[in-house]
Protein backbone atom coordinates (compact mmCIF):
# COMPACT_ATOMS: atom_id res chain seq x y z
CA MET A 1 -0.06 -0.04 0.09
CA VAL A 2 1.21 3.41 -0.92
CA LEU A 3 0.43 6.42 1.41
CA LEU A 4 0.00 9.27 -1.07
CA VAL A 5 0.14 12.76 0.38
CA GLU A 6 -0.70 15.61 -1.84
CA ASP A 7 -2.56 18.84 -1.17
CA ASP A 8 -3.66 19.59 -4.74
CA GLY A 9 -6.90 17.59 -5.27
CA LEU A 10 -6.42 17.09 -8.97
CA LEU A 11 -2.79 16.02 -8.62
CA LEU A 12 -3.82 13.62 -5.76
CA MET A 13 -6.60 12.11 -7.93
CA GLU A 14 -4.20 11.75 -10.94
CA ALA A 15 -1.36 10.07 -9.00
CA SER A 16 -3.76 7.83 -7.18
CA ASP A 17 -5.44 6.68 -10.32
CA THR A 18 -2.07 6.02 -11.85
CA LEU A 19 -0.91 3.86 -8.97
CA VAL A 20 -4.19 2.03 -8.65
CA GLU A 21 -4.03 1.18 -12.47
CA ALA A 22 -0.44 -0.21 -11.79
CA GLY A 23 -1.75 -2.54 -9.09
CA PHE A 24 -1.02 -0.55 -5.91
CA GLN A 25 -3.44 -0.13 -3.07
CA VAL A 26 -3.42 3.68 -2.25
CA VAL A 27 -4.44 5.57 0.81
CA GLU A 28 -4.77 9.36 0.20
CA ALA A 29 -3.84 12.14 2.46
CA PRO A 30 -4.29 15.88 1.75
CA HIS A 31 -1.69 16.95 4.31
CA ALA A 32 1.05 15.50 6.55
CA ASP A 33 -1.14 15.35 9.70
CA ARG A 34 -3.61 13.16 8.05
CA ALA A 35 -0.65 10.86 6.79
CA LEU A 36 0.67 10.63 10.36
CA GLN A 37 -2.81 9.43 11.49
CA VAL A 38 -2.65 6.76 8.88
CA LEU A 39 0.95 5.65 9.79
CA GLU A 40 -0.10 5.57 13.46
CA SER A 41 -3.09 3.40 12.83
CA ASP A 42 -2.79 -0.43 12.29
CA ARG A 43 -2.57 0.08 8.41
CA GLU A 44 0.31 -1.49 6.80
CA VAL A 45 2.22 1.11 4.65
CA ASP A 46 4.71 -0.20 2.05
CA ALA A 47 5.81 3.21 0.71
CA LEU A 48 5.30 6.92 1.37
CA MET A 49 4.89 9.33 -1.57
CA THR A 50 4.68 13.00 -0.38
CA ASP A 51 4.61 16.48 -2.01
CA VAL A 52 6.89 18.98 -0.54
CA ASP A 53 4.86 22.15 -0.40
CA MET A 54 1.71 21.73 1.62
CA PRO A 55 0.11 24.68 3.15
CA LEU A 56 -2.28 22.79 5.17
CA GLY A 57 -1.25 20.83 8.28
CA SER A 58 1.51 21.41 10.84
CA ILE A 59 4.51 20.14 8.75
CA ASP A 60 5.47 20.03 5.12
CA GLY A 61 6.44 17.12 3.16
CA LEU A 62 10.27 17.32 3.78
CA ALA A 63 9.56 17.21 7.46
CA LEU A 64 7.22 14.34 7.01
CA ALA A 65 9.81 12.42 4.98
CA ARG A 66 12.29 12.92 7.76
CA LEU A 67 9.91 11.88 10.53
CA VAL A 68 8.92 8.81 8.56
CA ALA A 69 12.63 7.83 8.14
CA ARG A 70 13.17 8.09 11.99
CA ARG A 71 9.97 6.42 13.20
CA TRP A 72 9.29 3.79 10.41
CA PRO A 73 12.66 3.35 8.75
CA TRP A 74 11.44 0.28 6.75
CA ILE A 75 9.02 2.41 4.71
CA PRO A 76 10.66 3.64 1.52
CA VAL A 77 10.12 7.45 1.01
CA LEU A 78 9.54 9.12 -2.34
CA VAL A 79 9.32 13.04 -2.40
CA VAL A 80 7.90 14.94 -5.24
CA SER A 81 7.89 18.63 -5.99
CA GLY A 82 7.28 21.14 -8.80
CA MET A 83 8.91 23.89 -6.77
CA GLY A 84 12.51 22.90 -7.13
CA THR A 85 14.94 20.35 -5.94
CA PRO A 86 15.44 19.70 -2.22
CA GLY A 87 19.03 20.39 -0.93
CA PRO A 88 21.33 17.71 0.20
CA ASN A 89 20.35 17.93 3.78
CA ASP A 90 16.64 18.43 3.31
CA MET A 91 15.81 14.79 2.59
CA PRO A 92 16.44 11.74 4.87
CA ASP A 93 18.92 9.07 3.83
CA GLY A 94 17.57 6.81 1.37
CA ALA A 95 14.71 8.99 0.20
CA LEU A 96 14.38 9.55 -3.43
CA PHE A 97 13.14 12.86 -5.23
CA ILE A 98 11.28 13.07 -8.50
CA PRO A 99 10.44 16.45 -9.94
CA LYS A 100 6.92 17.25 -11.05
CA PRO A 101 5.66 16.95 -13.60
CA TYR A 102 6.67 13.29 -13.62
CA ALA A 103 5.72 10.64 -16.23
CA PRO A 104 3.31 8.22 -14.87
CA PHE A 105 5.53 5.26 -16.02
CA ASP A 106 8.53 6.73 -14.21
CA LEU A 107 6.53 7.11 -11.01
CA VAL A 108 5.20 3.55 -11.16
CA GLN A 109 8.44 2.11 -11.95
CA THR A 110 10.27 3.99 -9.09
CA LEU A 111 7.84 2.97 -6.44
CA HIS A 112 7.87 -0.64 -7.74
CA ASP A 113 11.61 -0.65 -7.33
CA ARG A 114 11.49 1.00 -3.95
CA VAL A 115 8.99 -1.37 -2.43
CA ARG A 116 10.94 -4.37 -3.92
CA ARG A 117 14.06 -3.13 -2.28
CA ALA A 118 12.49 -2.82 1.13
CA ALA A 119 10.78 -6.16 1.07
């Protein structure tokens, strides 16, 4: 299951549809606070995909990525953004960055690779 965190409703729907069509189960979260609720529940999360810039919620996507890497280090983290590339110290070790707009095939392939490596 992929936990998909995106504040833009249209982008959330498009990414979710792409992942579902590729065979992933997806849980959508419009901001990091909702994503943390999902992670703290009993749901098994196989990968996190988060946007960086999310005005709603208490933290942005990079802070969420770092928190997930500390608390749930077995969950692969994929960070996406159309606002620029994160700096070398912005992302946790092992996290991967994909700039927006991304090709659906590249997104699916990257997540398949990340989940396989974590298994």
